[in-house]
């Protein structure tokens, strides 16, 4: 990893200030060295420190620099796969625990925010999952059936109820899960960093890790200006994993997600678009998601160019779609445009790895990063503290399986994105 400045975004302008995170300078010992200062690494550090374990976070740039500080701000319950599929894939024991852990993940996020007084515009207005075609509407009905069999507190929404909740008649069916909500994700990441420091963890920004090697039964983690010698090593680099642990980078596909933010909207528009608060994402081949922040700005997110860009021209499809949903937005000024990489796994499950003795890694949240990365950090801490692998509420694997032809990920993602948009347009 190389030190890079925080990219411009609405969050970078509005989030609570970051705590002081000085670069590592010199050599030190610790029980656990954590590489990566996003939700995963900071959550792990916080939970370890609260358990009395000395943890050191080494972040190449600053807390929340990657997807943790650039995502759509939706705290969504659950996994990509529906509960029946999870239980089919992993059985009633582990599968059941994965379901309980993932759907309860927003509880963990909002409890941390409350307990540590994290200023991040937290709003628990629910997660809306909506469909605009017949196929997806049938998927919504199937999901609601699965949720109700498990006594989950979801509400099935028809076209009229959705129109009242969204201000558009685009949707055929949907559901709302009250456990979800929204945050300023960069503010949340900074709050986790501050909480971890108060609990006793060290958090070093501007500290790219250049190498990690076994040395006399310990891990020697090298940076440009110092080293950390630790009993355990946690890799929490997600979509921005590099060559530090070469095979790890090739177990996920880094996919760019883009967000466009409007100026604060007039009160009558704010009252129409998700007036109950919360976030929304569409069930489509080309996922679109949106929410309204505490200042009344509309944040529209979805796929975009697979490269770093803040050029408004690269976000025109999101603005055009917003105007399709709400024609009254025509003429509204869009002020911020940013993107970042999230990590997609081939099986669309989060991955929890132990690739060597004393090394632990979690990554690949497939668009559920705020809630699931926070939980994964907790699970990493529990494993480091000695919980057996079979007690972890995710499958634990030792052998890393790099994705074949990983170097072709960018054109493959772009082709898949265009194909998905075409299918949504044609209603396939």
Protein backbone atom coordinates (compact mmCIF):
# COMPACT_ATOMS: atom_id res chain seq x y z
CA UNK A 1 0.00 0.00 0.00
CA UNK A 2 1.11 3.55 -0.69
CA UNK A 3 0.14 6.62 1.29
CA UNK A 4 -2.50 8.59 -0.60
CA UNK A 5 -4.58 11.58 0.50
CA UNK A 6 -8.24 11.15 1.37
CA UNK A 7 -10.23 11.50 -1.88
CA UNK A 8 -12.71 14.40 -2.07
CA UNK A 9 -16.29 13.50 -1.18
CA UNK A 10 -19.29 14.83 0.67
CA UNK A 11 -18.20 12.77 3.67
CA UNK A 12 -14.72 14.27 3.65
CA UNK A 13 -16.34 17.72 3.99
CA UNK A 14 -19.00 16.88 6.57
CA UNK A 15 -17.69 14.05 8.79
CA UNK A 16 -16.55 14.73 12.32
CA UNK A 17 -12.78 15.36 12.40
CA UNK A 18 -10.44 12.40 12.55
CA UNK A 19 -8.50 11.73 15.75
CA UNK A 20 -4.75 12.18 15.74
CA UNK A 21 -3.21 9.10 14.12
CA UNK A 22 0.56 9.71 13.93
CA UNK A 23 2.70 7.51 11.68
CA UNK A 24 4.60 4.69 13.32
CA UNK A 25 8.13 5.87 14.03
CA UNK A 26 10.53 3.29 15.40
CA UNK A 27 10.08 -0.25 16.65
CA UNK A 28 7.59 -1.61 19.17
CA UNK A 29 6.05 -4.82 20.46
CA UNK A 30 2.35 -5.66 20.58
CA UNK A 31 0.14 -8.65 21.03
CA UNK A 32 -1.63 -8.07 17.71
CA UNK A 33 -0.65 -6.11 14.60
CA UNK A 34 -3.59 -5.11 12.40
CA UNK A 35 -3.01 -4.02 8.81
CA UNK A 36 -5.82 -1.75 7.58
CA UNK A 37 -7.76 1.07 9.23
CA UNK A 38 -11.24 0.49 7.84
CA UNK A 39 -14.27 -0.94 9.62
CA UNK A 40 -12.78 -4.44 9.89
CA UNK A 41 -9.44 -3.43 11.34
CA UNK A 42 -10.80 -0.72 13.63
CA UNK A 43 -13.58 -2.95 14.97
CA UNK A 44 -11.05 -5.70 15.65
CA UNK A 45 -8.75 -3.23 17.43
CA UNK A 46 -11.58 -1.84 19.54
CA UNK A 47 -12.84 -5.25 20.65
CA UNK A 48 -9.33 -6.50 21.37
CA UNK A 49 -8.46 -3.40 23.37
CA UNK A 50 -11.66 -3.68 25.37
CA UNK A 51 -10.58 -7.24 26.23
CA UNK A 52 -7.23 -5.96 27.49
CA UNK A 53 -5.17 -7.05 24.46
CA UNK A 54 -2.54 -4.66 23.11
CA UNK A 55 -3.41 -4.02 19.45
CA UNK A 56 -1.64 -1.78 16.91
CA UNK A 57 -3.41 -0.66 13.72
CA UNK A 58 -1.20 0.20 10.76
CA UNK A 59 -3.11 2.19 8.12
CA UNK A 60 -1.45 3.33 4.92
CA UNK A 61 -3.42 6.59 4.76
CA UNK A 62 -6.10 7.47 7.31
CA UNK A 63 -9.04 5.81 9.05
CA UNK A 64 -11.78 5.09 6.54
CA UNK A 65 -9.65 5.93 3.50
CA UNK A 66 -10.98 3.00 1.43
CA UNK A 67 -14.53 1.76 0.96
CA UNK A 68 -15.23 2.35 4.66
CA UNK A 69 -15.24 6.09 4.07
CA UNK A 70 -16.69 6.18 0.55
CA UNK A 71 -19.72 3.88 0.47
CA UNK A 72 -23.40 4.76 0.28
CA UNK A 73 -23.83 4.94 4.06
CA UNK A 74 -26.46 2.18 4.31
CA UNK A 75 -26.31 -0.15 7.31
CA UNK A 76 -28.05 -3.17 5.81
CA UNK A 77 -29.00 -6.41 7.58
CA UNK A 78 -28.30 -9.80 6.08
CA UNK A 79 -26.11 -11.31 3.38
CA UNK A 80 -26.41 -11.25 -0.39
CA UNK A 81 -27.91 -14.74 -0.39
CA UNK A 82 -31.36 -15.38 1.06
CA UNK A 83 -31.63 -17.33 4.32
CA UNK A 84 -32.75 -20.59 2.71
CA UNK A 85 -29.70 -20.54 0.44
CA UNK A 86 -27.37 -19.85 3.36
CA UNK A 87 -28.73 -22.82 5.29
CA UNK A 88 -28.56 -25.01 2.20
CA UNK A 89 -24.91 -24.05 1.63
CA UNK A 90 -23.71 -24.34 5.24
CA UNK A 91 -26.26 -26.44 7.08
CA UNK A 92 -28.65 -25.58 9.89
CA UNK A 93 -25.95 -24.96 12.51
CA UNK A 94 -23.37 -22.73 10.84
CA UNK A 95 -25.91 -21.48 8.29
CA UNK A 96 -28.32 -20.57 11.06
CA UNK A 97 -25.62 -18.74 12.97
CA UNK A 98 -24.57 -16.86 9.83
CA UNK A 99 -28.16 -15.73 9.34
CA UNK A 100 -28.55 -14.62 12.96
CA UNK A 101 -25.20 -12.84 12.98
CA UNK A 102 -25.67 -11.02 9.65
CA UNK A 103 -29.26 -9.90 10.23
CA UNK A 104 -28.30 -8.76 13.71
CA UNK A 105 -25.24 -6.90 12.43
CA UNK A 106 -26.92 -3.45 12.37
CA UNK A 107 -27.63 -3.89 16.09
CA UNK A 108 -23.87 -4.12 16.65
CA UNK A 109 -23.21 -0.97 14.61
CA UNK A 110 -25.83 1.18 16.29
CA UNK A 111 -24.90 -0.12 19.75
CA UNK A 112 -21.27 0.88 19.17
CA UNK A 113 -22.37 4.30 17.94
CA UNK A 114 -24.47 4.84 21.06
CA UNK A 115 -21.98 3.38 23.53
CA UNK A 116 -19.05 5.43 22.24
CA UNK A 117 -20.95 8.58 21.33
CA UNK A 118 -19.88 8.43 17.68
CA UNK A 119 -21.04 11.49 15.73
CA UNK A 120 -21.93 10.09 12.31
CA UNK A 121 -25.51 11.20 11.51
CA UNK A 122 -26.85 7.78 12.55
CA UNK A 123 -30.49 7.25 11.63
CA UNK A 124 -32.28 3.93 12.09
CA UNK A 125 -35.01 4.34 9.48
CA UNK A 126 -34.87 0.81 8.11
CA UNK A 127 -33.61 -0.82 4.93
CA UNK A 128 -35.99 -0.82 1.96
CA UNK A 129 -35.50 -3.52 -0.66
CA UNK A 130 -37.61 -2.87 -3.76
CA UNK A 131 -38.47 -4.39 -7.15
CA UNK A 132 -39.52 -2.71 -10.38
CA UNK A 133 -40.19 -5.79 -12.54
CA UNK A 134 -42.22 -8.98 -12.22
CA UNK A 135 -39.22 -11.25 -11.67
CA UNK A 136 -37.83 -9.18 -8.81
CA UNK A 137 -41.28 -8.72 -7.28
CA UNK A 138 -41.58 -12.51 -7.07
CA UNK A 139 -38.16 -12.52 -5.39
CA UNK A 140 -39.41 -10.03 -2.82
CA UNK A 141 -42.41 -12.22 -2.02
CA UNK A 142 -40.15 -15.26 -1.59
CA UNK A 143 -37.86 -13.31 0.74
CA UNK A 144 -40.74 -12.09 2.86
CA UNK A 145 -41.93 -15.70 3.24
CA UNK A 146 -38.47 -16.80 4.38
CA UNK A 147 -38.18 -13.89 6.81
CA UNK A 148 -41.57 -14.53 8.34
CA UNK A 149 -40.79 -18.22 8.86
CA UNK A 150 -37.85 -16.98 10.95
CA UNK A 151 -39.95 -14.37 12.80
CA UNK A 152 -37.96 -11.48 11.34
CA UNK A 153 -39.61 -8.05 11.74
CA UNK A 154 -40.12 -7.22 8.05
CA UNK A 155 -43.07 -5.54 6.34
CA UNK A 156 -44.20 -6.48 2.82
CA UNK A 157 -44.98 -3.38 0.75
CA UNK A 158 -47.22 -3.06 -2.32
CA UNK A 159 -47.13 -0.37 -5.03
CA UNK A 160 -49.24 2.15 -3.15
CA UNK A 161 -47.27 1.85 0.08
CA UNK A 162 -43.99 2.12 -1.84
CA UNK A 163 -45.15 5.21 -3.68
CA UNK A 164 -45.97 6.82 -0.35
CA UNK A 165 -42.57 5.85 1.07
CA UNK A 166 -40.44 6.75 -1.96
CA UNK A 167 -42.29 9.49 -3.84
CA UNK A 168 -42.16 7.51 -7.09
CA UNK A 169 -44.48 4.99 -8.76
CA UNK A 170 -41.55 3.00 -10.18
CA UNK A 171 -41.82 0.02 -7.85
CA UNK A 172 -44.08 -3.05 -7.97
CA UNK A 173 -43.17 -4.57 -4.61
CA UNK A 174 -40.79 -4.22 -1.72
CA UNK A 175 -40.04 -4.88 1.91
CA UNK A 176 -38.69 -2.84 4.77
CA UNK A 177 -36.51 -4.23 7.55
CA UNK A 178 -36.53 -1.83 10.54
CA UNK A 179 -33.17 -3.11 11.76
CA UNK A 180 -31.34 -1.24 8.99
CA UNK A 181 -30.40 2.42 8.86
CA UNK A 182 -27.88 4.95 7.61
CA UNK A 183 -24.71 6.73 8.76
CA UNK A 184 -22.03 9.04 7.49
CA UNK A 185 -19.58 6.16 6.99
CA UNK A 186 -16.40 8.22 7.20
CA UNK A 187 -17.63 9.71 10.46
CA UNK A 188 -18.36 6.21 11.72
CA UNK A 189 -14.88 4.98 10.77
CA UNK A 190 -13.28 7.95 12.51
CA UNK A 191 -15.43 7.32 15.56
CA UNK A 192 -14.31 3.70 15.69
CA UNK A 193 -10.70 4.84 15.50
CA UNK A 194 -11.23 7.27 18.37
CA UNK A 195 -13.03 4.62 20.44
CA UNK A 196 -10.25 2.09 19.80
CA UNK A 197 -7.65 4.62 20.95
CA UNK A 198 -9.58 5.40 24.12
CA UNK A 199 -9.79 1.67 24.85
CA UNK A 200 -6.01 1.39 24.59
CA UNK A 201 -5.27 0.49 20.96
CA UNK A 202 -2.67 2.37 18.95
CA UNK A 203 -3.82 3.61 15.54
CA UNK A 204 -1.11 4.79 13.14
CA UNK A 205 -2.04 6.58 9.92
CA UNK A 206 0.31 7.32 7.05
CA UNK A 207 2.00 3.98 7.71
CA UNK A 208 2.07 1.64 4.70
CA UNK A 209 3.16 -1.88 5.57
CA UNK A 210 5.95 -3.04 3.28
CA UNK A 211 6.49 -6.61 4.50
CA UNK A 212 5.37 -9.17 7.07
CA UNK A 213 7.50 -12.18 7.91
CA UNK A 214 7.86 -14.82 10.57
CA UNK A 215 10.74 -14.15 12.94
CA UNK A 216 11.47 -16.45 15.87
CA UNK A 217 7.87 -17.49 16.38
CA UNK A 218 6.57 -13.91 16.11
CA UNK A 219 5.42 -11.74 13.22
CA UNK A 220 7.68 -8.88 12.20
CA UNK A 221 5.62 -6.26 10.39
CA UNK A 222 7.76 -3.73 8.56
CA UNK A 223 6.84 -0.19 7.56
CA UNK A 224 8.78 2.65 5.99
CA UNK A 225 9.78 4.13 9.36
CA UNK A 226 9.49 1.32 11.86
CA UNK A 227 8.47 -2.21 12.74
CA UNK A 228 5.93 -3.96 14.93
CA UNK A 229 6.73 -7.35 16.38
CA UNK A 230 3.54 -9.20 17.33
CA UNK A 231 2.26 -12.61 18.29
CA UNK A 232 -0.69 -12.33 15.91
CA UNK A 233 -1.24 -10.63 12.57
CA UNK A 234 -4.64 -9.47 11.28
CA UNK A 235 -5.07 -8.55 7.61
CA UNK A 236 -7.97 -6.13 7.15
CA UNK A 237 -7.31 -4.61 3.74
CA UNK A 238 -10.42 -5.82 1.85
CA UNK A 239 -10.67 -4.47 -1.74
CA UNK A 240 -7.42 -2.55 -1.35
CA UNK A 241 -5.33 -5.61 -0.55
CA UNK A 242 -1.96 -5.50 -2.30
CA UNK A 243 1.08 -7.71 -2.51
CA UNK A 244 1.66 -7.93 1.26
CA UNK A 245 -0.02 -11.34 1.24
CA UNK A 246 -0.08 -12.01 -2.52
CA UNK A 247 -2.74 -14.69 -2.76
CA UNK A 248 -5.17 -12.75 -0.56
CA UNK A 249 -5.52 -9.96 -3.11
CA UNK A 250 -6.54 -12.49 -5.75
CA UNK A 251 -9.37 -14.01 -3.71
CA UNK A 252 -11.67 -11.00 -4.29
CA UNK A 253 -12.65 -8.81 -7.21
CA UNK A 254 -12.40 -5.07 -6.44
CA UNK A 255 -15.45 -3.38 -7.95
CA UNK A 256 -15.96 0.37 -8.03
CA UNK A 257 -19.21 1.77 -6.68
CA UNK A 258 -20.10 5.39 -7.42
CA UNK A 259 -22.09 7.97 -5.45
CA UNK A 260 -23.49 11.33 -6.54
CA UNK A 261 -24.84 13.81 -3.97
CA UNK A 262 -27.23 16.68 -4.62
CA UNK A 263 -27.42 20.03 -2.94
CA UNK A 264 -29.86 20.14 0.00
CA UNK A 265 -33.31 19.64 -1.51
CA UNK A 266 -36.39 21.80 -0.89
CA UNK A 267 -38.44 20.64 2.07
CA UNK A 268 -41.32 19.40 -0.09
CA UNK A 269 -38.98 17.07 -2.00
CA UNK A 270 -37.34 15.80 1.18
CA UNK A 271 -40.81 15.03 2.52
CA UNK A 272 -41.52 12.83 -0.53
CA UNK A 273 -38.28 10.85 -0.90
CA UNK A 274 -37.97 8.27 1.88
CA UNK A 275 -39.78 10.50 4.40
CA UNK A 276 -39.52 7.75 7.02
CA UNK A 277 -35.72 7.84 6.70
CA UNK A 278 -33.49 4.86 6.11
CA UNK A 279 -31.92 3.62 2.92
CA UNK A 280 -33.14 1.83 -0.19
CA UNK A 281 -31.66 -0.48 -2.76
CA UNK A 282 -33.23 -1.93 -5.85
CA UNK A 283 -33.29 -5.60 -6.76
CA UNK A 284 -31.89 -5.48 -10.27
CA UNK A 285 -29.01 -6.75 -12.33
CA UNK A 286 -27.46 -3.27 -12.03
CA UNK A 287 -27.98 -2.30 -8.38
CA UNK A 288 -28.98 1.28 -7.58
CA UNK A 289 -29.25 2.53 -4.01
CA UNK A 290 -30.11 5.86 -2.43
CA UNK A 291 -30.89 7.75 0.75
CA UNK A 292 -31.44 11.31 1.98
CA UNK A 293 -28.94 12.58 4.54
CA UNK A 294 -29.58 14.72 7.60
CA UNK A 295 -29.09 17.93 5.59
CA UNK A 296 -31.66 16.89 2.97
CA UNK A 297 -29.19 15.90 0.27
CA UNK A 298 -30.07 12.99 -2.01
CA UNK A 299 -27.25 10.45 -2.33
CA UNK A 300 -27.60 8.20 -5.41
CA UNK A 301 -25.28 5.22 -5.71
CA UNK A 302 -24.60 2.46 -8.17
CA UNK A 303 -22.04 1.08 -10.58
CA UNK A 304 -19.78 3.39 -12.55
CA UNK A 305 -16.45 3.45 -14.35
CA UNK A 306 -13.97 0.94 -12.98
CA UNK A 307 -11.34 3.57 -12.15
CA UNK A 308 -10.91 6.46 -9.73
CA UNK A 309 -12.93 9.43 -10.95
CA UNK A 310 -14.68 12.53 -9.64
CA UNK A 311 -15.66 13.77 -13.12
CA UNK A 312 -19.39 14.63 -13.10
CA UNK A 313 -19.68 13.18 -16.61
CA UNK A 314 -18.97 9.72 -15.19
CA UNK A 315 -22.02 10.01 -12.90
CA UNK A 316 -24.57 11.25 -15.43
CA UNK A 317 -26.37 7.88 -15.43
CA UNK A 318 -27.09 8.24 -11.70
CA UNK A 319 -28.37 11.80 -12.04
CA UNK A 320 -30.50 10.83 -15.04
CA UNK A 321 -32.02 7.93 -13.14
CA UNK A 322 -32.79 10.17 -10.15
CA UNK A 323 -34.61 12.56 -12.48
CA UNK A 324 -36.53 9.63 -13.94
CA UNK A 325 -37.69 8.63 -10.47
CA UNK A 326 -38.48 12.19 -9.40
CA UNK A 327 -38.94 14.60 -12.36
CA UNK A 328 -39.09 17.50 -9.87
CA UNK A 329 -35.33 17.07 -9.44
CA UNK A 330 -34.73 18.55 -12.88
CA UNK A 331 -32.59 21.62 -12.37
CA UNK A 332 -31.34 20.55 -8.94
CA UNK A 333 -27.59 21.04 -8.60
CA UNK A 334 -25.39 17.98 -7.93
CA UNK A 335 -22.40 19.00 -5.90
CA UNK A 336 -20.30 15.93 -5.05
CA UNK A 337 -19.16 12.88 -7.01
CA UNK A 338 -16.91 10.12 -5.69
CA UNK A 339 -16.27 6.40 -5.91
CA UNK A 340 -14.31 3.60 -4.29
CA UNK A 341 -13.72 -0.12 -4.46
CA UNK A 342 -15.68 -2.76 -2.59
CA UNK A 343 -14.66 -6.42 -2.55
CA UNK A 344 -16.75 -9.07 -4.29
CA UNK A 345 -16.15 -12.77 -3.64
CA UNK A 346 -16.92 -15.52 -6.18
CA UNK A 347 -19.49 -17.12 -3.87
CA UNK A 348 -20.84 -13.76 -2.60
CA UNK A 349 -20.16 -14.68 1.02
CA UNK A 350 -17.75 -12.84 3.37
CA UNK A 351 -14.48 -14.74 3.70
CA UNK A 352 -12.65 -15.47 6.95
CA UNK A 353 -9.16 -16.89 6.40
CA UNK A 354 -6.29 -18.20 8.49
CA UNK A 355 -3.59 -18.53 5.81
CA UNK A 356 -0.69 -19.18 8.23
CA UNK A 357 -0.07 -19.76 11.92
CA UNK A 358 -1.10 -16.68 13.86
CA UNK A 359 -2.50 -14.89 10.77
CA UNK A 360 -6.18 -13.96 10.43
CA UNK A 361 -8.00 -12.16 7.62
CA UNK A 362 -11.57 -11.14 6.86
CA UNK A 363 -12.76 -9.50 3.65
CA UNK A 364 -15.30 -9.61 0.84
CA UNK A 365 -18.52 -8.09 2.16
CA UNK A 366 -20.19 -7.80 -1.24
CA UNK A 367 -21.83 -4.44 -0.59
CA UNK A 368 -22.78 -5.13 3.05
CA UNK A 369 -19.60 -3.61 4.44
CA UNK A 370 -20.74 -1.25 7.18
CA UNK A 371 -22.59 -3.90 9.15
CA UNK A 372 -20.70 -7.04 8.17
CA UNK A 373 -17.18 -5.56 8.37
CA UNK A 374 -17.96 -4.31 11.87
CA UNK A 375 -19.10 -7.80 12.85
CA UNK A 376 -16.14 -9.42 11.09
CA UNK A 377 -13.80 -7.27 13.18
CA UNK A 378 -15.52 -8.54 16.31
CA UNK A 379 -15.21 -12.15 15.10
CA UNK A 380 -11.52 -11.63 14.31
CA UNK A 381 -11.03 -10.37 17.84
CA UNK A 382 -12.82 -13.40 19.26
CA UNK A 383 -10.66 -15.77 17.22
CA UNK A 384 -7.46 -13.98 18.29
CA UNK A 385 -8.66 -14.21 21.89
CA UNK A 386 -8.89 -17.97 21.57
CA UNK A 387 -12.40 -18.84 20.46
CA UNK A 388 -12.25 -22.06 18.42
CA UNK A 389 -12.70 -21.79 14.66
CA UNK A 390 -15.92 -23.78 14.80
CA UNK A 391 -17.42 -21.15 17.13
CA UNK A 392 -16.93 -18.35 14.59
CA UNK A 393 -20.17 -17.42 12.81
CA UNK A 394 -18.53 -17.51 9.38
CA UNK A 395 -16.81 -20.40 7.58
CA UNK A 396 -13.09 -20.35 8.46
CA UNK A 397 -10.72 -21.46 5.68
CA UNK A 398 -6.97 -21.95 5.67
CA UNK A 399 -6.11 -22.47 2.03
CA UNK A 400 -6.53 -19.33 -0.08
CA UNK A 401 -8.07 -19.94 -3.51
CA UNK A 402 -7.05 -17.21 -5.98
CA UNK A 403 -9.62 -16.40 -8.66
CA UNK A 404 -8.54 -17.70 -12.09
CA UNK A 405 -7.60 -14.96 -14.58
CA UNK A 406 -7.79 -12.39 -11.78
CA UNK A 407 -5.84 -9.89 -13.85
CA UNK A 408 -8.81 -9.58 -16.22
CA UNK A 409 -11.20 -8.36 -13.52
CA UNK A 410 -11.63 -4.81 -14.85
CA UNK A 411 -12.93 -5.60 -18.36
CA UNK A 412 -14.97 -8.49 -16.97
CA UNK A 413 -16.71 -6.22 -14.44
CA UNK A 414 -17.39 -3.55 -17.05
CA UNK A 415 -18.89 -6.11 -19.43
CA UNK A 416 -21.05 -7.57 -16.65
CA UNK A 417 -22.22 -4.10 -15.62
CA UNK A 418 -23.32 -3.20 -19.16
CA UNK A 419 -25.06 -6.55 -19.53
CA UNK A 420 -26.92 -6.00 -16.26
CA UNK A 421 -28.11 -2.55 -17.29
CA UNK A 422 -29.40 -3.93 -20.57
CA UNK A 423 -31.33 -6.69 -18.78
CA UNK A 424 -32.89 -4.16 -16.41
CA UNK A 425 -33.92 -1.94 -19.32
CA UNK A 426 -35.46 -4.91 -21.15
CA UNK A 427 -37.06 -6.31 -17.99
CA UNK A 428 -35.26 -9.67 -18.29
